[in-house]
Amino acid sequence: MSDGLQALADLTSASEEMDYGKTGLHQRHTASLENVLKVGKTFLDEGYILEMLTCQDLREKEEVMRLCYTFNSLDAVDRHLVHVDIAGGLASEQFEAPTMSNLTGGANWQEREVFEMYGVTFTGHNELERLLLPEDADFFPLRKDFGRIEDADE
């Protein structure tokens, strides 16, 4: 890890080396919601790009929605996965995280997609609008409980 990324040790609660040949990642980090922007800025300041942002619905087992950010260096492949959990539980409908779109334009559409498909609101995002679904859609198709038969009206 570069000297500039050493700051991650103070911003993350866990970091582990990964087997790139098996996972396509060099390191995985766990960060708090409060530190996610500092972590992102650390990577961006070191010349990394936000390669991907997605979400995992882990409400049933871990009672969280997990944001998954992948940062990669353009100089040499050096891929880092950052997990950030948003607490809320299975019954929660509200999940919020700070926007990274103010740090990198690459986050704009990725945050919009996570908002639309999982219902995570990115506070401070200046155009958090739907990409694919109708504006009046009141569902999140990638949540684990979307379309469950046991939840259907009889």
N, C-alpha and C. Protein backbone atom coordinates (compact mmCIF):
# COMPACT_ATOMS: atom_id res chain seq x y z
N MET A 1 0.86 -1.18 0.00
CA MET A 1 0.00 0.00 0.00
C MET A 1 0.89 1.23 0.00
N SER A 2 0.51 2.23 -0.80
CA SER A 2 1.31 3.45 -0.90
C SER A 2 1.29 4.22 0.42
N ASP A 3 2.27 5.09 0.58
CA ASP A 3 2.36 5.88 1.81
C ASP A 3 1.12 6.74 2.01
N GLY A 4 0.56 7.27 0.91
CA GLY A 4 -0.64 8.09 1.01
C GLY A 4 -1.84 7.33 1.51
N LEU A 5 -1.89 6.04 1.24
CA LEU A 5 -3.02 5.22 1.69
C LEU A 5 -2.86 4.74 3.13
N GLN A 6 -1.74 5.03 3.75
CA GLN A 6 -1.53 4.65 5.15
C GLN A 6 -2.57 5.31 6.06
N ALA A 7 -3.11 6.45 5.62
CA ALA A 7 -4.15 7.15 6.39
C ALA A 7 -5.39 6.29 6.56
N LEU A 8 -5.57 5.31 5.68
CA LEU A 8 -6.75 4.44 5.78
C LEU A 8 -6.79 3.68 7.10
N ALA A 9 -5.62 3.42 7.68
CA ALA A 9 -5.57 2.69 8.94
C ALA A 9 -6.36 3.41 10.03
N ASP A 10 -6.36 4.74 10.00
CA ASP A 10 -7.09 5.52 11.00
C ASP A 10 -8.56 5.72 10.63
N LEU A 11 -8.90 5.46 9.37
CA LEU A 11 -10.26 5.72 8.89
C LEU A 11 -11.11 4.46 8.76
N THR A 12 -10.49 3.31 8.87
CA THR A 12 -11.21 2.05 8.70
C THR A 12 -11.14 1.23 9.98
N SER A 13 -12.16 0.40 10.18
CA SER A 13 -12.16 -0.46 11.37
C SER A 13 -11.49 -1.80 11.09
N ALA A 14 -11.35 -2.15 9.82
CA ALA A 14 -10.69 -3.40 9.45
C ALA A 14 -10.18 -3.29 8.02
N SER A 15 -9.05 -3.92 7.77
CA SER A 15 -8.49 -4.01 6.43
C SER A 15 -7.82 -5.37 6.32
N GLU A 16 -7.96 -5.98 5.15
CA GLU A 16 -7.31 -7.27 4.96
C GLU A 16 -6.82 -7.40 3.53
N GLU A 17 -5.68 -8.07 3.39
CA GLU A 17 -5.13 -8.38 2.08
C GLU A 17 -6.03 -9.43 1.43
N MET A 18 -6.20 -9.33 0.12
CA MET A 18 -7.00 -10.28 -0.63
C MET A 18 -6.11 -10.96 -1.66
N ASP A 19 -6.53 -12.12 -2.12
CA ASP A 19 -5.82 -12.84 -3.18
C ASP A 19 -6.36 -12.33 -4.51
N TYR A 20 -5.60 -11.47 -5.18
CA TYR A 20 -6.06 -10.83 -6.41
C TYR A 20 -6.43 -11.87 -7.47
N GLY A 21 -5.68 -12.94 -7.55
CA GLY A 21 -5.95 -13.97 -8.54
C GLY A 21 -7.30 -14.62 -8.35
N LYS A 22 -7.79 -14.68 -7.13
CA LYS A 22 -9.08 -15.31 -6.84
C LYS A 22 -10.23 -14.31 -6.77
N THR A 23 -9.96 -13.12 -6.26
CA THR A 23 -11.04 -12.16 -5.99
C THR A 23 -11.05 -10.95 -6.91
N GLY A 24 -9.93 -10.67 -7.58
CA GLY A 24 -9.84 -9.46 -8.39
C GLY A 24 -9.65 -8.22 -7.55
N LEU A 25 -9.35 -8.42 -6.27
CA LEU A 25 -9.14 -7.31 -5.33
C LEU A 25 -7.80 -7.48 -4.63
N HIS A 26 -7.19 -6.35 -4.29
CA HIS A 26 -5.95 -6.41 -3.52
C HIS A 26 -6.20 -6.28 -2.02
N GLN A 27 -7.15 -5.42 -1.66
CA GLN A 27 -7.48 -5.25 -0.24
C GLN A 27 -8.97 -4.99 -0.07
N ARG A 28 -9.47 -5.39 1.09
CA ARG A 28 -10.86 -5.09 1.48
C ARG A 28 -10.81 -4.33 2.80
N HIS A 29 -11.60 -3.27 2.86
CA HIS A 29 -11.64 -2.41 4.04
C HIS A 29 -13.08 -2.30 4.54
N THR A 30 -13.23 -2.06 5.82
CA THR A 30 -14.53 -1.76 6.40
C THR A 30 -14.44 -0.37 7.01
N ALA A 31 -15.37 0.50 6.62
CA ALA A 31 -15.35 1.87 7.11
C ALA A 31 -16.73 2.21 7.68
N SER A 32 -16.75 3.18 8.57
CA SER A 32 -18.01 3.65 9.13
C SER A 32 -18.65 4.64 8.17
N LEU A 33 -19.94 4.82 8.34
CA LEU A 33 -20.66 5.80 7.53
C LEU A 33 -20.08 7.20 7.74
N GLU A 34 -19.64 7.48 8.95
CA GLU A 34 -19.07 8.80 9.27
C GLU A 34 -17.75 9.06 8.55
N ASN A 35 -17.01 7.99 8.22
CA ASN A 35 -15.70 8.16 7.59
C ASN A 35 -15.69 7.92 6.09
N VAL A 36 -16.83 7.58 5.50
CA VAL A 36 -16.82 7.17 4.08
C VAL A 36 -16.29 8.27 3.17
N LEU A 37 -16.62 9.51 3.41
CA LEU A 37 -16.12 10.59 2.55
C LEU A 37 -14.62 10.79 2.73
N LYS A 38 -14.12 10.64 3.93
CA LYS A 38 -12.67 10.76 4.17
C LYS A 38 -11.93 9.62 3.47
N VAL A 39 -12.51 8.42 3.52
CA VAL A 39 -11.90 7.28 2.83
C VAL A 39 -11.88 7.54 1.33
N GLY A 40 -13.01 7.98 0.78
CA GLY A 40 -13.08 8.29 -0.64
C GLY A 40 -12.08 9.35 -1.04
N LYS A 41 -11.98 10.40 -0.25
CA LYS A 41 -11.05 11.49 -0.55
C LYS A 41 -9.60 11.00 -0.49
N THR A 42 -9.31 10.11 0.44
CA THR A 42 -7.96 9.56 0.53
C THR A 42 -7.59 8.82 -0.75
N PHE A 43 -8.49 7.99 -1.24
CA PHE A 43 -8.22 7.28 -2.49
C PHE A 43 -8.11 8.26 -3.66
N LEU A 44 -9.02 9.19 -3.77
CA LEU A 44 -9.02 10.13 -4.89
C LEU A 44 -7.76 11.00 -4.87
N ASP A 45 -7.32 11.42 -3.69
CA ASP A 45 -6.10 12.23 -3.58
C ASP A 45 -4.86 11.47 -4.02
N GLU A 46 -4.92 10.14 -3.92
CA GLU A 46 -3.79 9.30 -4.32
C GLU A 46 -3.88 8.85 -5.79
N GLY A 47 -4.84 9.41 -6.53
CA GLY A 47 -4.94 9.12 -7.95
C GLY A 47 -5.80 7.92 -8.30
N TYR A 48 -6.55 7.42 -7.35
CA TYR A 48 -7.48 6.32 -7.61
C TYR A 48 -8.78 6.88 -8.18
N ILE A 49 -9.54 6.02 -8.84
CA ILE A 49 -10.86 6.39 -9.31
C ILE A 49 -11.89 5.54 -8.61
N LEU A 50 -13.10 6.05 -8.51
CA LEU A 50 -14.22 5.25 -8.03
C LEU A 50 -14.66 4.40 -9.22
N GLU A 51 -14.31 3.14 -9.17
CA GLU A 51 -14.59 2.24 -10.28
C GLU A 51 -16.03 1.74 -10.25
N MET A 52 -16.55 1.50 -9.05
CA MET A 52 -17.88 0.94 -8.93
C MET A 52 -18.47 1.27 -7.55
N LEU A 53 -19.78 1.42 -7.53
CA LEU A 53 -20.53 1.53 -6.29
C LEU A 53 -21.78 0.68 -6.45
N THR A 54 -22.02 -0.18 -5.50
CA THR A 54 -23.25 -0.95 -5.49
C THR A 54 -23.70 -1.13 -4.04
N CYS A 55 -24.70 -1.96 -3.85
CA CYS A 55 -25.28 -2.14 -2.53
C CYS A 55 -25.65 -3.60 -2.34
N GLN A 56 -25.66 -4.05 -1.10
CA GLN A 56 -26.14 -5.38 -0.74
C GLN A 56 -27.22 -5.21 0.32
N ASP A 57 -28.33 -5.88 0.13
CA ASP A 57 -29.40 -5.88 1.12
C ASP A 57 -29.12 -7.01 2.11
N LEU A 58 -28.58 -6.67 3.25
CA LEU A 58 -28.25 -7.64 4.30
C LEU A 58 -29.15 -7.46 5.52
N ARG A 59 -30.33 -6.88 5.31
CA ARG A 59 -31.22 -6.57 6.44
C ARG A 59 -31.68 -7.81 7.18
N GLU A 60 -31.90 -8.89 6.47
CA GLU A 60 -32.45 -10.08 7.11
C GLU A 60 -31.46 -10.73 8.07
N LYS A 61 -30.18 -10.80 7.70
CA LYS A 61 -29.19 -11.47 8.53
C LYS A 61 -28.40 -10.52 9.41
N GLU A 62 -28.01 -9.38 8.87
CA GLU A 62 -27.14 -8.47 9.61
C GLU A 62 -27.81 -7.14 9.94
N GLU A 63 -29.05 -6.97 9.51
CA GLU A 63 -29.84 -5.76 9.79
C GLU A 63 -29.20 -4.49 9.24
N VAL A 64 -28.54 -4.61 8.09
CA VAL A 64 -27.90 -3.45 7.46
C VAL A 64 -28.09 -3.50 5.95
N MET A 65 -27.96 -2.34 5.35
CA MET A 65 -27.72 -2.23 3.91
C MET A 65 -26.22 -1.94 3.81
N ARG A 66 -25.53 -2.64 2.92
CA ARG A 66 -24.09 -2.46 2.80
C ARG A 66 -23.75 -1.80 1.47
N LEU A 67 -23.12 -0.65 1.55
CA LEU A 67 -22.59 0.00 0.35
C LEU A 67 -21.22 -0.61 0.05
N CYS A 68 -20.96 -0.88 -1.22
CA CYS A 68 -19.70 -1.49 -1.64
C CYS A 68 -19.05 -0.58 -2.69
N TYR A 69 -17.97 0.08 -2.28
CA TYR A 69 -17.24 0.98 -3.17
C TYR A 69 -15.96 0.26 -3.63
N THR A 70 -15.67 0.32 -4.92
CA THR A 70 -14.40 -0.22 -5.43
C THR A 70 -13.59 0.93 -6.00
N PHE A 71 -12.37 1.07 -5.49
CA PHE A 71 -11.44 2.09 -5.97
C PHE A 71 -10.29 1.38 -6.68
N ASN A 72 -9.82 1.97 -7.78
CA ASN A 72 -8.74 1.37 -8.54
C ASN A 72 -7.77 2.46 -9.00
N SER A 73 -6.51 2.11 -9.02
CA SER A 73 -5.48 3.02 -9.49
C SER A 73 -5.39 2.94 -11.01
N LEU A 74 -5.18 4.07 -11.65
CA LEU A 74 -5.00 4.07 -13.09
C LEU A 74 -3.54 3.83 -13.48
N ASP A 75 -2.62 4.02 -12.54
CA ASP A 75 -1.20 3.83 -12.83
C ASP A 75 -0.85 2.35 -12.91
N ALA A 76 -1.31 1.59 -11.96
CA ALA A 76 -1.10 0.13 -11.92
C ALA A 76 -2.32 -0.45 -11.23
N VAL A 77 -2.75 -1.59 -11.67
CA VAL A 77 -3.96 -2.18 -11.07
C VAL A 77 -3.73 -2.36 -9.58
N ASP A 78 -4.55 -1.71 -8.79
CA ASP A 78 -4.50 -1.81 -7.33
C ASP A 78 -5.92 -1.58 -6.84
N ARG A 79 -6.71 -2.65 -6.79
CA ARG A 79 -8.15 -2.55 -6.51
C ARG A 79 -8.44 -2.76 -5.03
N HIS A 80 -9.23 -1.82 -4.49
CA HIS A 80 -9.63 -1.85 -3.08
C HIS A 80 -11.15 -1.83 -2.99
N LEU A 81 -11.70 -2.72 -2.18
CA LEU A 81 -13.13 -2.75 -1.91
C LEU A 81 -13.35 -2.17 -0.53
N VAL A 82 -14.30 -1.25 -0.42
CA VAL A 82 -14.64 -0.63 0.86
C VAL A 82 -16.09 -0.93 1.18
N HIS A 83 -16.34 -1.59 2.31
CA HIS A 83 -17.69 -1.87 2.78
C HIS A 83 -18.10 -0.81 3.80
N VAL A 84 -19.31 -0.29 3.65
CA VAL A 84 -19.86 0.68 4.59
C VAL A 84 -21.28 0.23 4.89
N ASP A 85 -21.55 -0.08 6.15
CA ASP A 85 -22.88 -0.55 6.55
C ASP A 85 -23.76 0.59 7.03
N ILE A 86 -25.03 0.52 6.61
CA ILE A 86 -26.03 1.48 7.06
C ILE A 86 -27.03 0.69 7.90
N ALA A 87 -27.09 0.98 9.18
CA ALA A 87 -27.99 0.25 10.09
C ALA A 87 -29.44 0.61 9.80
N GLY A 88 -30.32 -0.30 10.13
CA GLY A 88 -31.73 -0.01 9.93
C GLY A 88 -32.64 -1.18 10.20
N GLY A 89 -32.16 -2.38 9.98
CA GLY A 89 -33.01 -3.55 10.22
C GLY A 89 -33.94 -3.83 9.07
N LEU A 90 -34.62 -4.97 9.13
CA LEU A 90 -35.47 -5.44 8.04
C LEU A 90 -36.67 -4.53 7.83
N ALA A 91 -37.22 -3.98 8.88
CA ALA A 91 -38.44 -3.17 8.75
C ALA A 91 -38.15 -1.75 8.29
N SER A 92 -36.90 -1.33 8.33
CA SER A 92 -36.57 0.05 7.99
C SER A 92 -36.76 0.32 6.50
N GLU A 93 -37.29 1.47 6.22
CA GLU A 93 -37.45 1.93 4.84
C GLU A 93 -36.46 3.04 4.52
N GLN A 94 -35.87 3.65 5.53
CA GLN A 94 -35.00 4.81 5.33
C GLN A 94 -33.54 4.44 5.52
N PHE A 95 -32.76 4.62 4.49
CA PHE A 95 -31.32 4.41 4.56
C PHE A 95 -30.66 5.61 3.91
N GLU A 96 -29.70 6.21 4.61
CA GLU A 96 -29.04 7.41 4.10
C GLU A 96 -27.54 7.30 4.22
N ALA A 97 -26.86 7.87 3.25
CA ALA A 97 -25.40 7.97 3.26
C ALA A 97 -25.03 9.29 2.61
N PRO A 98 -23.88 9.84 2.96
CA PRO A 98 -23.47 11.10 2.32
C PRO A 98 -23.05 10.85 0.87
N THR A 99 -23.32 11.80 0.01
CA THR A 99 -22.96 11.63 -1.40
C THR A 99 -21.46 11.78 -1.61
N MET A 100 -20.95 10.99 -2.51
CA MET A 100 -19.56 11.12 -2.91
C MET A 100 -19.48 11.87 -4.25
N SER A 101 -20.65 12.23 -4.80
CA SER A 101 -20.67 12.92 -6.09
C SER A 101 -20.03 14.30 -6.03
N ASN A 102 -19.92 14.87 -4.84
CA ASN A 102 -19.24 16.17 -4.70
C ASN A 102 -17.72 16.01 -4.78
N LEU A 103 -17.24 14.77 -4.57
CA LEU A 103 -15.80 14.49 -4.65
C LEU A 103 -15.40 14.01 -6.03
N THR A 104 -16.26 13.22 -6.65
CA THR A 104 -15.98 12.66 -7.97
C THR A 104 -17.27 12.52 -8.76
N GLY A 105 -17.26 13.02 -9.97
CA GLY A 105 -18.44 12.93 -10.82
C GLY A 105 -18.82 11.49 -11.13
N GLY A 106 -17.87 10.57 -11.02
CA GLY A 106 -18.14 9.16 -11.27
C GLY A 106 -19.15 8.56 -10.33
N ALA A 107 -19.40 9.21 -9.20
CA ALA A 107 -20.36 8.69 -8.23
C ALA A 107 -21.80 9.05 -8.60
N ASN A 108 -21.99 10.04 -9.45
CA ASN A 108 -23.31 10.57 -9.74
C ASN A 108 -24.30 9.49 -10.15
N TRP A 109 -24.08 8.85 -11.27
CA TRP A 109 -25.03 7.86 -11.77
C TRP A 109 -25.05 6.61 -10.92
N GLN A 110 -23.92 6.26 -10.35
CA GLN A 110 -23.88 5.06 -9.51
C GLN A 110 -24.72 5.24 -8.25
N GLU A 111 -24.67 6.41 -7.66
CA GLU A 111 -25.53 6.70 -6.50
C GLU A 111 -27.00 6.73 -6.91
N ARG A 112 -27.27 7.28 -8.08
CA ARG A 112 -28.65 7.30 -8.56
C ARG A 112 -29.18 5.88 -8.75
N GLU A 113 -28.36 4.99 -9.24
CA GLU A 113 -28.78 3.61 -9.44
C GLU A 113 -29.04 2.91 -8.10
N VAL A 114 -28.16 3.12 -7.13
CA VAL A 114 -28.35 2.52 -5.80
C VAL A 114 -29.61 3.09 -5.15
N PHE A 115 -29.84 4.39 -5.32
CA PHE A 115 -31.05 5.02 -4.81
C PHE A 115 -32.29 4.37 -5.42
N GLU A 116 -32.29 4.21 -6.73
CA GLU A 116 -33.45 3.68 -7.43
C GLU A 116 -33.70 2.20 -7.14
N MET A 117 -32.66 1.41 -7.07
CA MET A 117 -32.83 -0.03 -6.94
C MET A 117 -32.90 -0.52 -5.49
N TYR A 118 -32.25 0.22 -4.56
CA TYR A 118 -32.21 -0.20 -3.15
C TYR A 118 -32.87 0.78 -2.19
N GLY A 119 -33.12 2.00 -2.63
CA GLY A 119 -33.76 2.97 -1.76
C GLY A 119 -32.83 3.69 -0.81
N VAL A 120 -31.53 3.69 -1.09
CA VAL A 120 -30.58 4.43 -0.27
C VAL A 120 -30.53 5.86 -0.77
N THR A 121 -30.80 6.82 0.11
CA THR A 121 -30.76 8.23 -0.23
C THR A 121 -29.35 8.76 0.04
N PHE A 122 -28.79 9.46 -0.92
CA PHE A 122 -27.46 10.04 -0.76
C PHE A 122 -27.62 11.53 -0.48
N THR A 123 -27.46 11.90 0.78
CA THR A 123 -27.68 13.28 1.20
C THR A 123 -26.63 14.19 0.55
N GLY A 124 -27.11 15.31 0.04
CA GLY A 124 -26.24 16.27 -0.62
C GLY A 124 -26.12 16.05 -2.12
N HIS A 125 -26.68 14.96 -2.62
CA HIS A 125 -26.65 14.70 -4.07
C HIS A 125 -27.62 15.67 -4.74
N ASN A 126 -27.14 16.42 -5.74
CA ASN A 126 -27.96 17.50 -6.29
C ASN A 126 -28.92 17.08 -7.39
N GLU A 127 -28.89 15.83 -7.84
CA GLU A 127 -29.85 15.37 -8.84
C GLU A 127 -30.20 13.90 -8.64
N LEU A 128 -30.64 13.58 -7.45
CA LEU A 128 -30.98 12.20 -7.11
C LEU A 128 -32.34 11.87 -7.72
N GLU A 129 -32.31 11.51 -9.00
CA GLU A 129 -33.53 11.21 -9.75
C GLU A 129 -33.44 9.79 -10.28
N ARG A 130 -34.59 9.24 -10.63
CA ARG A 130 -34.64 7.88 -11.16
C ARG A 130 -34.02 7.83 -12.56
N LEU A 131 -33.43 6.68 -12.86
CA LEU A 131 -32.84 6.45 -14.18
C LEU A 131 -33.72 5.59 -15.06
N LEU A 132 -34.33 4.55 -14.49
CA LEU A 132 -35.07 3.57 -15.27
C LEU A 132 -36.55 3.46 -14.90
N LEU A 133 -36.84 3.51 -13.63
CA LEU A 133 -38.21 3.31 -13.16
C LEU A 133 -39.02 4.61 -13.29
N PRO A 134 -40.34 4.49 -13.35
CA PRO A 134 -41.18 5.70 -13.38
C PRO A 134 -40.97 6.53 -12.11
N GLU A 135 -41.15 7.82 -12.23
CA GLU A 135 -40.95 8.73 -11.10
C GLU A 135 -41.84 8.39 -9.90
N ASP A 136 -43.01 7.81 -10.14
CA ASP A 136 -43.93 7.50 -9.05
C ASP A 136 -43.75 6.08 -8.50
N ALA A 137 -42.69 5.38 -8.91
CA ALA A 137 -42.44 4.03 -8.39
C ALA A 137 -42.25 4.10 -6.88
N ASP A 138 -42.93 3.21 -6.16
CA ASP A 138 -42.83 3.19 -4.70
C ASP A 138 -42.23 1.86 -4.22
N PHE A 139 -41.33 1.31 -5.01
CA PHE A 139 -40.70 0.03 -4.67
C PHE A 139 -39.23 0.08 -5.08
N PHE A 140 -38.47 -0.88 -4.54
CA PHE A 140 -37.03 -0.97 -4.81
C PHE A 140 -36.73 -2.39 -5.26
N PRO A 141 -36.59 -2.62 -6.56
CA PRO A 141 -36.56 -3.97 -7.11
C PRO A 141 -35.38 -4.84 -6.69
N LEU A 142 -34.30 -4.30 -6.17
CA LEU A 142 -33.19 -5.16 -5.77
C LEU A 142 -33.15 -5.44 -4.26
N ARG A 143 -34.14 -4.96 -3.55
CA ARG A 143 -34.24 -5.35 -2.14
C ARG A 143 -34.72 -6.79 -2.05
N LYS A 144 -34.22 -7.50 -1.06
CA LYS A 144 -34.53 -8.92 -0.91
C LYS A 144 -36.02 -9.18 -0.72
N ASP A 145 -36.75 -8.23 -0.15
CA ASP A 145 -38.16 -8.48 0.11
C ASP A 145 -39.07 -8.01 -1.03
N PHE A 146 -38.49 -7.55 -2.14
CA PHE A 146 -39.30 -7.11 -3.27
C PHE A 146 -39.93 -8.33 -3.95
N GLY A 147 -41.26 -8.28 -4.09
CA GLY A 147 -41.98 -9.32 -4.82
C GLY A 147 -42.13 -10.64 -4.08
N ARG A 148 -41.94 -10.66 -2.76
CA ARG A 148 -42.13 -11.92 -2.03
C ARG A 148 -43.61 -12.27 -1.99
N ILE A 149 -43.91 -13.50 -2.29
CA ILE A 149 -45.30 -13.97 -2.32
C ILE A 149 -45.97 -13.79 -0.96
N GLU A 150 -45.25 -14.05 0.12
CA GLU A 150 -45.85 -13.95 1.46
C GLU A 150 -46.22 -12.53 1.83
N ASP A 151 -45.70 -11.53 1.12
CA ASP A 151 -46.02 -10.14 1.40
C ASP A 151 -47.15 -9.61 0.51
N ALA A 152 -47.58 -10.42 -0.46
CA ALA A 152 -48.62 -9.97 -1.41
C ALA A 152 -49.98 -9.86 -0.73
N ASP A 153 -50.77 -8.91 -1.21
CA ASP A 153 -52.15 -8.78 -0.71
C ASP A 153 -52.96 -9.97 -1.18
N GLU A 154 -53.86 -10.41 -0.34
CA GLU A 154 -54.70 -11.56 -0.71
C GLU A 154 -55.98 -11.14 -1.36
